[in-house]
Protein backbone atom coordinates (compact mmCIF):
# COMPACT_ATOMS: atom_id res chain seq x y z
CA MET A 1 11.87 -35.26 1.27
CA SER A 2 8.37 -33.63 2.78
CA LEU A 3 7.45 -30.13 4.27
CA THR A 4 4.77 -28.96 6.54
CA THR A 5 1.89 -26.71 6.29
CA ARG A 6 -1.46 -26.33 7.66
CA ALA A 7 -3.82 -25.98 4.78
CA ALA A 8 -8.29 -26.31 4.62
CA VAL A 9 -8.76 -29.43 3.25
CA LEU A 10 -12.60 -30.22 1.89
CA ARG A 11 -13.88 -33.71 2.43
CA GLN A 12 -16.96 -33.80 1.62
CA SER A 13 -19.27 -31.16 -0.03
CA SER A 14 -21.79 -29.85 2.11
CA ASP A 15 -24.25 -27.39 2.17
CA VAL A 16 -25.32 -27.04 5.70
CA GLN A 17 -25.53 -23.59 6.81
CA PRO A 18 -24.42 -21.72 8.38
CA PHE A 19 -20.81 -23.17 7.53
CA ALA A 20 -19.44 -21.73 10.70
CA ARG A 21 -21.16 -23.82 12.77
CA SER A 22 -20.76 -27.16 9.78
CA ARG A 23 -17.16 -26.81 9.75
CA PRO A 24 -16.64 -28.38 6.58
CA LEU A 25 -13.65 -26.58 5.63
CA ARG A 26 -10.49 -28.38 8.61
CA ILE A 27 -7.65 -26.61 9.08
CA GLU A 28 -4.82 -29.72 9.18
CA GLU A 29 -1.44 -29.81 9.45
CA VAL A 30 -0.61 -31.41 5.95
CA THR A 31 3.20 -32.45 4.28
CA LEU A 32 3.96 -31.34 1.34
CA ASP A 33 6.21 -32.57 -0.90
CA GLU A 34 9.50 -30.88 -2.82
CA PRO A 35 8.57 -29.19 -5.81
CA GLY A 36 9.78 -31.75 -8.13
CA PRO A 37 11.21 -31.19 -12.09
CA GLY A 38 8.81 -28.35 -13.66
CA GLU A 39 7.31 -27.59 -10.47
CA VAL A 40 7.65 -24.55 -7.87
CA LEU A 41 6.84 -24.25 -4.06
CA VAL A 42 5.41 -20.90 -2.58
CA ARG A 43 4.69 -19.36 0.63
CA ILE A 44 1.15 -18.16 -0.26
CA VAL A 45 0.73 -14.81 1.16
CA ALA A 46 -2.82 -13.88 0.18
CA ALA A 47 -5.74 -15.87 -1.42
CA GLY A 48 -8.59 -14.63 -2.50
CA LEU A 49 -12.03 -15.83 -1.67
CA CYS A 50 -14.12 -16.68 -5.03
CA HIS A 51 -17.66 -18.00 -5.28
CA SER A 52 -16.25 -20.75 -7.63
CA ASP A 53 -14.50 -22.38 -4.04
CA LEU A 54 -17.79 -22.25 -2.15
CA SER A 55 -19.02 -23.54 -5.37
CA VAL A 56 -17.16 -26.97 -4.86
CA VAL A 57 -17.84 -26.55 -1.22
CA ASN A 58 -21.85 -26.50 -1.58
CA GLY A 59 -21.27 -28.96 -4.52
CA ASP A 60 -22.56 -26.55 -7.62
CA ARG A 61 -19.02 -26.87 -8.39
CA PRO A 62 -18.32 -31.24 -8.24
CA ARG A 63 -14.13 -32.03 -7.62
CA PRO A 64 -12.50 -35.12 -6.92
CA LEU A 65 -12.00 -34.75 -2.40
CA PRO A 66 -10.38 -35.36 -0.63
CA MET A 67 -9.38 -31.10 -1.33
CA VAL A 68 -6.75 -28.72 -1.17
CA LEU A 69 -9.21 -25.14 -1.72
CA GLY A 70 -8.06 -22.29 -3.03
CA HIS A 71 -7.15 -20.94 -6.92
CA GLU A 72 -6.83 -17.27 -6.52
CA ALA A 73 -3.59 -15.78 -4.67
CA ALA A 74 -0.44 -14.92 -4.74
CA GLY A 75 2.95 -15.46 -2.58
CA VAL A 76 6.85 -15.45 -2.92
CA VAL A 77 8.62 -18.18 -4.66
CA GLU A 78 10.86 -19.88 -1.59
CA GLN A 79 12.02 -23.08 -3.72
CA VAL A 80 12.39 -24.58 -8.12
CA GLY A 81 12.22 -27.84 -8.97
CA PRO A 82 15.14 -28.86 -11.75
CA GLY A 83 14.26 -27.27 -14.73
CA VAL A 84 12.64 -24.28 -13.77
CA THR A 85 14.03 -21.50 -15.52
CA ASP A 86 10.65 -19.25 -15.39
CA VAL A 87 10.87 -17.77 -11.96
CA ALA A 88 13.74 -17.92 -9.07
CA VAL A 89 13.80 -17.65 -5.41
CA GLY A 90 12.27 -14.67 -4.32
CA ASP A 91 10.41 -13.01 -6.90
CA ARG A 92 6.91 -12.58 -6.08
CA VAL A 93 4.03 -13.92 -7.98
CA VAL A 94 0.10 -14.45 -9.06
CA CYS A 95 -1.13 -18.22 -9.62
CA SER A 96 -3.40 -18.62 -12.77
CA TYR A 97 -5.55 -21.41 -12.03
CA VAL A 98 -5.19 -22.59 -15.72
CA PRO A 99 -1.32 -23.55 -16.37
CA SER A 100 -0.27 -24.39 -20.04
CA CYS A 101 1.83 -27.52 -21.46
CA GLY A 102 2.71 -24.75 -23.86
CA ASN A 103 3.26 -27.23 -27.07
CA CYS A 104 -0.01 -27.70 -28.23
CA ALA A 105 -2.09 -26.13 -30.39
CA ASP A 106 -3.73 -24.42 -28.51
CA CYS A 107 -0.95 -22.50 -26.62
CA ALA A 108 0.85 -22.38 -29.93
CA GLY A 109 -2.13 -20.51 -30.89
CA GLY A 110 -2.09 -17.14 -28.21
CA ASN A 111 -4.99 -19.67 -26.31
CA PRO A 112 -3.57 -21.01 -23.73
CA VAL A 113 -7.05 -21.23 -21.52
CA ARG A 114 -8.30 -24.14 -24.15
CA CYS A 115 -5.01 -26.26 -23.59
CA ALA A 116 -6.45 -29.28 -23.14
CA GLY A 117 -3.87 -31.40 -20.85
CA ALA A 118 -4.08 -28.61 -18.53
CA GLN A 119 -7.61 -28.85 -18.48
CA ALA A 120 -7.36 -32.42 -17.81
CA ALA A 121 -5.09 -32.08 -14.81
CA ASN A 122 -7.54 -30.00 -13.66
CA ARG A 123 -10.80 -31.73 -14.16
CA GLU A 124 -8.92 -35.23 -12.42
CA ALA A 125 -7.19 -32.36 -9.48
CA ARG A 126 -3.48 -32.86 -10.69
CA LEU A 127 -1.12 -30.44 -11.43
CA VAL A 128 0.43 -30.60 -14.61
CA THR A 129 3.27 -32.53 -13.90
CA GLY A 130 0.82 -35.61 -13.29
CA ARG A 131 1.35 -35.36 -9.16
CA ARG A 132 -0.95 -34.56 -6.65
CA PRO A 133 2.07 -32.94 -3.54
CA PHE A 134 0.21 -32.79 -0.67
CA ARG A 135 -1.04 -35.59 2.07
CA ASP A 136 -2.91 -35.62 4.83
CA ALA A 137 -1.49 -36.96 8.78
CA SER A 138 -2.88 -40.11 7.67
CA GLY A 139 -0.61 -40.46 4.16
CA THR A 140 -3.91 -40.33 2.10
CA GLU A 141 -2.93 -38.17 -1.18
CA LEU A 142 -4.98 -34.90 -1.56
CA ASN A 143 -6.31 -33.43 -4.39
CA SER A 144 -5.32 -30.33 -6.13
CA HIS A 145 -7.90 -27.27 -6.62
CA LEU A 146 -7.21 -25.96 -10.60
CA GLY A 147 -3.67 -26.50 -9.85
CA VAL A 148 -3.16 -23.72 -7.22
CA SER A 149 -4.61 -25.15 -3.51
CA ALA A 150 -4.19 -21.48 -2.75
CA PHE A 151 -5.89 -21.85 1.30
CA SER A 152 -2.62 -23.35 2.72
CA GLU A 153 0.57 -21.70 3.91
CA LEU A 154 2.51 -23.59 0.95
CA THR A 155 1.99 -24.96 -2.26
CA VAL A 156 3.85 -26.87 -5.42
CA VAL A 157 2.36 -25.16 -8.93
CA SER A 158 3.66 -25.71 -12.44
CA PRO A 159 5.86 -22.32 -13.50
CA ARG A 160 2.95 -22.08 -15.92
CA SER A 161 0.96 -21.15 -13.32
CA LEU A 162 2.67 -18.29 -12.11
CA VAL A 163 3.26 -14.53 -13.46
CA PRO A 164 5.40 -12.40 -11.83
CA VAL A 165 4.23 -9.26 -10.16
CA PRO A 166 5.73 -5.82 -9.70
CA ASP A 167 7.31 -4.27 -6.68
CA ASP A 168 4.67 -1.48 -6.16
CA VAL A 169 1.38 -4.52 -6.48
CA PRO A 170 0.27 -5.57 -2.85
CA LEU A 171 0.51 -9.09 -2.72
CA GLU A 172 -2.87 -8.74 -1.47
CA THR A 173 -4.25 -6.80 -4.44
CA ALA A 174 -2.67 -9.19 -6.54
CA ALA A 175 -4.20 -11.92 -5.80
CA VAL A 176 -7.57 -11.05 -6.95
CA PHE A 177 -5.76 -10.40 -10.44
CA GLY A 178 -5.24 -14.31 -11.29
CA CYS A 179 -9.34 -14.75 -11.51
CA ALA A 180 -11.21 -12.24 -10.67
CA VAL A 181 -9.63 -8.86 -12.48
CA LEU A 182 -8.30 -11.59 -15.23
CA THR A 183 -11.75 -12.98 -15.77
CA GLY A 184 -14.49 -9.40 -15.90
CA ALA A 185 -11.54 -7.18 -17.31
CA GLY A 186 -11.17 -10.11 -20.06
CA ALA A 187 -14.33 -10.28 -20.97
CA VAL A 188 -14.34 -7.03 -21.98
CA LEU A 189 -11.06 -6.27 -23.22
CA ASN A 190 -10.36 -10.14 -24.86
CA THR A 191 -13.64 -11.83 -25.83
CA ALA A 192 -16.31 -8.59 -25.85
CA VAL A 193 -13.26 -5.99 -27.27
CA VAL A 194 -15.69 -3.54 -25.83
CA ARG A 195 -15.40 0.00 -28.24
CA PRO A 196 -15.53 3.49 -26.90
CA GLY A 197 -19.38 4.80 -27.27
CA GLU A 198 -20.31 1.33 -27.16
CA ALA A 199 -23.95 1.09 -24.47
CA VAL A 200 -22.91 -2.26 -21.78
CA ALA A 201 -24.51 -3.71 -19.36
CA VAL A 202 -22.65 -5.80 -16.80
CA VAL A 203 -25.26 -8.64 -14.92
CA GLY A 204 -23.64 -10.36 -11.82
CA LEU A 205 -21.52 -7.66 -9.62
CA GLY A 206 -18.98 -10.21 -7.64
CA GLY A 207 -15.11 -9.88 -7.82
CA VAL A 208 -15.56 -10.71 -12.00
CA GLY A 209 -18.76 -8.40 -12.82
CA ILE A 210 -17.12 -5.25 -10.43
CA SER A 211 -13.39 -6.15 -12.70
CA ALA A 212 -15.43 -5.95 -15.99
CA VAL A 213 -17.42 -3.02 -14.96
CA MET A 214 -13.44 -1.25 -14.34
CA ALA A 215 -12.64 -2.46 -17.77
CA ALA A 216 -15.48 -1.16 -19.39
CA ALA A 217 -14.53 2.09 -18.21
CA LEU A 218 -11.49 2.01 -19.02
CA ALA A 219 -12.65 0.83 -22.65
CA GLY A 220 -14.57 4.09 -22.74
CA ALA A 221 -17.45 2.30 -22.57
CA HIS A 222 -21.04 4.58 -22.56
CA PRO A 223 -23.15 4.12 -21.05
CA VAL A 224 -21.77 1.78 -18.46
CA ILE A 225 -24.86 0.09 -16.35
CA ALA A 226 -24.65 -2.39 -13.69
CA VAL A 227 -26.94 -4.84 -12.90
CA ASP A 228 -27.67 -7.12 -9.19
CA THR A 229 -29.78 -8.20 -6.54
CA VAL A 230 -28.08 -6.42 -3.68
CA PRO A 231 -27.93 -2.33 -3.39
CA SER A 232 -24.63 -1.91 -1.91
CA LYS A 233 -23.31 -3.36 -5.19
CA LEU A 234 -24.37 -0.92 -7.22
CA ALA A 235 -23.00 1.91 -4.86
CA SER A 236 -19.56 -0.48 -5.34
CA ALA A 237 -19.96 -0.47 -9.19
CA ALA A 238 -20.84 3.32 -9.24
CA GLU A 239 -17.69 3.93 -7.29
CA VAL A 240 -15.34 2.46 -10.19
CA GLY A 241 -16.87 3.79 -13.33
CA ALA A 242 -20.45 2.70 -13.75
CA THR A 243 -22.43 5.18 -14.91
CA HIS A 244 -26.23 3.55 -14.05
CA GLY A 245 -27.04 0.82 -11.39
CA VAL A 246 -30.51 -0.98 -12.00
CA LEU A 247 -31.78 -3.22 -9.54
CA ALA A 248 -32.80 -6.91 -10.53
CA GLY A 249 -36.09 -7.79 -11.35
CA ASP A 250 -39.26 -7.57 -13.79
CA ASP A 251 -38.07 -4.09 -14.91
CA ALA A 252 -35.02 -4.46 -15.16
CA VAL A 253 -34.32 -5.63 -18.56
CA GLU A 254 -36.94 -2.60 -19.50
CA GLN A 255 -34.83 0.14 -17.36
CA VAL A 256 -31.56 -1.16 -19.43
CA ARG A 257 -33.12 -0.63 -22.86
CA ASP A 258 -34.89 2.83 -21.79
CA LEU A 259 -31.08 3.88 -20.29
CA THR A 260 -29.83 2.97 -24.37
CA GLY A 261 -32.63 3.64 -26.97
CA GLY A 262 -33.00 0.38 -27.47
CA GLY A 263 -30.98 -1.97 -25.38
CA VAL A 264 -26.41 -2.19 -25.08
CA ALA A 265 -24.20 -3.36 -27.35
CA VAL A 266 -22.07 -5.11 -24.95
CA ALA A 267 -23.55 -7.32 -21.97
CA ILE A 268 -21.59 -9.62 -19.86
CA GLU A 269 -23.22 -12.12 -17.67
CA ALA A 270 -20.94 -12.27 -14.32
CA ALA A 271 -23.30 -14.27 -12.29
CA GLY A 272 -23.19 -17.81 -13.44
CA HIS A 273 -27.36 -17.98 -13.24
CA PRO A 274 -29.83 -18.67 -15.76
CA ALA A 275 -31.67 -15.60 -14.70
CA ALA A 276 -28.97 -13.57 -15.55
CA LEU A 277 -28.33 -14.83 -19.10
CA ALA A 278 -31.86 -13.79 -19.75
CA THR A 279 -31.71 -10.89 -18.54
CA ALA A 280 -28.12 -9.55 -20.28
CA TYR A 281 -29.97 -11.58 -23.74
CA ALA A 282 -33.14 -9.43 -23.75
CA ALA A 283 -30.85 -6.32 -22.63
CA THR A 284 -29.04 -6.68 -25.27
CA ARG A 285 -29.75 -4.73 -28.79
CA VAL A 286 -30.12 -5.21 -31.91
CA GLY A 287 -26.66 -6.81 -33.46
CA GLY A 288 -25.31 -6.37 -29.91
CA ARG A 289 -22.78 -8.92 -28.07
CA VAL A 290 -23.53 -11.30 -25.09
CA VAL A 291 -20.58 -12.93 -23.15
CA VAL A 292 -21.10 -15.30 -20.75
CA ALA A 293 -18.87 -15.33 -18.12
CA GLY A 294 -20.62 -16.64 -14.93
CA LEU A 295 -19.88 -20.28 -14.37
CA PRO A 296 -23.35 -21.96 -13.16
CA HIS A 297 -23.66 -25.40 -11.86
CA PRO A 298 -23.41 -27.81 -14.71
CA ARG A 299 -26.71 -28.80 -14.39
CA HIS A 300 -28.27 -25.49 -15.72
CA GLU A 301 -29.24 -24.33 -18.91
CA VAL A 302 -31.25 -21.33 -21.19
CA GLY A 303 -33.05 -21.20 -23.71
CA VAL A 304 -32.69 -18.68 -26.02
CA SER A 305 -35.35 -17.90 -29.43
CA ILE A 306 -33.48 -19.11 -31.91
CA ALA A 307 -35.81 -17.24 -34.03
CA SER A 308 -34.35 -13.90 -32.08
CA LEU A 309 -30.79 -14.80 -32.70
CA VAL A 310 -30.70 -15.43 -36.32
CA GLY A 311 -32.96 -11.61 -37.17
CA GLU A 312 -31.04 -9.74 -34.53
CA GLU A 313 -28.35 -11.19 -36.08
CA LYS A 314 -27.00 -11.02 -31.68
CA SER A 315 -24.09 -13.27 -30.42
CA ILE A 316 -23.32 -15.37 -27.18
CA SER A 317 -19.53 -15.91 -26.47
CA GLY A 318 -18.01 -17.96 -23.19
CA SER A 319 -15.41 -16.40 -21.66
CA TYR A 320 -13.00 -18.36 -19.61
CA MET A 321 -10.78 -17.08 -17.49
CA GLY A 322 -11.59 -13.73 -19.90
CA SER A 323 -9.77 -15.04 -22.92
CA SER A 324 -6.67 -14.38 -21.16
CA VAL A 325 -3.10 -15.24 -21.97
CA PRO A 326 -2.34 -14.97 -18.63
CA ARG A 327 1.88 -14.19 -19.41
CA ARG A 328 1.08 -11.39 -21.63
CA ASP A 329 -2.66 -9.59 -19.92
CA LEU A 330 -1.14 -9.79 -16.14
CA PRO A 331 1.44 -7.47 -16.60
CA ARG A 332 -1.00 -5.04 -18.60
CA LEU A 333 -2.95 -4.49 -16.14
CA PHE A 334 -0.48 -4.34 -13.66
CA ASP A 335 0.43 -1.67 -15.14
CA LEU A 336 -3.06 0.08 -15.55
CA TYR A 337 -3.43 -0.61 -12.01
CA ALA A 338 0.03 1.00 -10.89
CA ALA A 339 -1.31 4.29 -13.18
CA GLY A 340 -4.67 4.81 -10.99
CA LEU A 341 -6.61 3.10 -14.39
CA LEU A 342 -7.40 -0.08 -12.96
CA PRO A 343 -8.50 0.68 -9.35
CA ALA A 344 -8.94 -3.14 -8.81
CA ASP A 345 -8.47 -2.32 -4.73
CA ALA A 346 -12.55 -1.31 -4.67
CA LEU A 347 -12.79 -5.48 -5.10
CA VAL A 348 -11.55 -5.94 -1.81
CA THR A 349 -14.14 -6.35 0.70
CA SER A 350 -11.88 -7.98 3.54
CA ARG A 351 -8.31 -8.40 4.20
CA SER A 352 -6.18 -10.22 6.58
CA VAL A 353 -8.92 -12.87 6.80
CA PRO A 354 -6.63 -16.15 9.15
CA LEU A 355 -7.19 -19.15 7.57
CA ASP A 356 -9.01 -20.23 10.96
CA ASP A 357 -12.14 -17.67 9.70
CA LEU A 358 -12.71 -19.43 6.13
CA ASN A 359 -16.07 -21.76 7.03
CA LEU A 360 -17.18 -17.74 8.28
CA ALA A 361 -15.89 -15.84 5.55
CA LEU A 362 -17.81 -18.73 3.13
CA ASP A 363 -21.07 -17.53 4.88
CA ARG A 364 -20.31 -14.19 4.63
CA LEU A 365 -19.93 -14.90 0.54
CA HIS A 366 -22.71 -16.77 0.80
CA ALA A 367 -25.11 -13.92 2.19
CA GLY A 368 -23.78 -11.46 -0.42
CA THR A 369 -22.06 -8.93 1.74
CA GLU A 370 -18.33 -9.54 0.26
CA VAL A 371 -16.93 -9.46 -2.89
CA ARG A 372 -13.57 -10.69 -2.47
CA GLN A 373 -12.11 -10.92 0.84
CA ILE A 374 -8.59 -12.06 1.34
CA ILE A 375 -6.97 -15.05 3.23
CA VAL A 376 -3.71 -14.66 4.74
CA PRO A 377 -3.10 -18.10 5.65
CA ARG A 378 0.14 -17.46 7.70
CA ALA A 379 -0.60 -14.36 10.15
CA GLY A 380 1.59 -11.20 9.64
CA GLN A 381 3.17 -12.06 6.29
CA ALA A 382 1.51 -9.69 4.36
């Protein structure tokens, strides 16, 4: 049997702006298969609009199209397929955009973000079960976005893409934990393993960067230096723990070095741009650690002096989804939020944005005026 749902469908990547006029995302009534074996039907309550979504829309991150977009979300389990015991109907859940098979060497070794099966499913725009459950009015199969497809009233996902949300965490806030918080905080706590008293710089203050600032402050880093091209984002970073703000530009590296007596111990690159990585690397002291959490266009590369890398004993580490184990890390992060130690509400700059306004929200994201906008697929349900 099939269900009916309203969803945001991307049929062709486009950078024609404003998006509110060109409307690359069309809100369509589509059909959705009921969950099969190893699948779960989720009613999406809140979905965060991430720069990774914009990168698919404008073609920077090529994906198989047509596609139901959206990957950062929270909702309520409506139905479970045969064999599912991880979650039950009525559970409040947050979605993870990297599912896992649970059986391969990486999953068994505590590195589910490296799961080859899950990566292949995401690359091929299908669920880990192999299915693509969405179809448009003509019966054409619609691709899945990172196993979630959150810009829809209803979606079908793998239970391995879901983590329970405590009752004291609002779903409109829980949504940003699935991508922004998990990635930014994980880059600091899991990949860099920041220690108390270490100087940290975060370059790029979107949802991931602001989350990294929060986690650095939580870890006891000092100073915590926020770097961005937008002054208002420096102010936002100060509200969640940054001790200093530096406007990105020609003298940004010199300012960071002056503030730290030679450079930071850890630099988190969260902008997904070669210039940001160059800034992060140059602002890191001898023996320092650079963690790259931003996802740029695939063709972007950066040149690093090998002599500097060796002679100064710096390290550069990639951090995909914060090197996280969602089922281990998200409950801890929710506890820190509930205790007032991780102010994730600060990421949300616009709440209750209707699904029909998604293209307008893309314009605001592109302009750099928003950190996270929360899309509500069904009015009045948040």
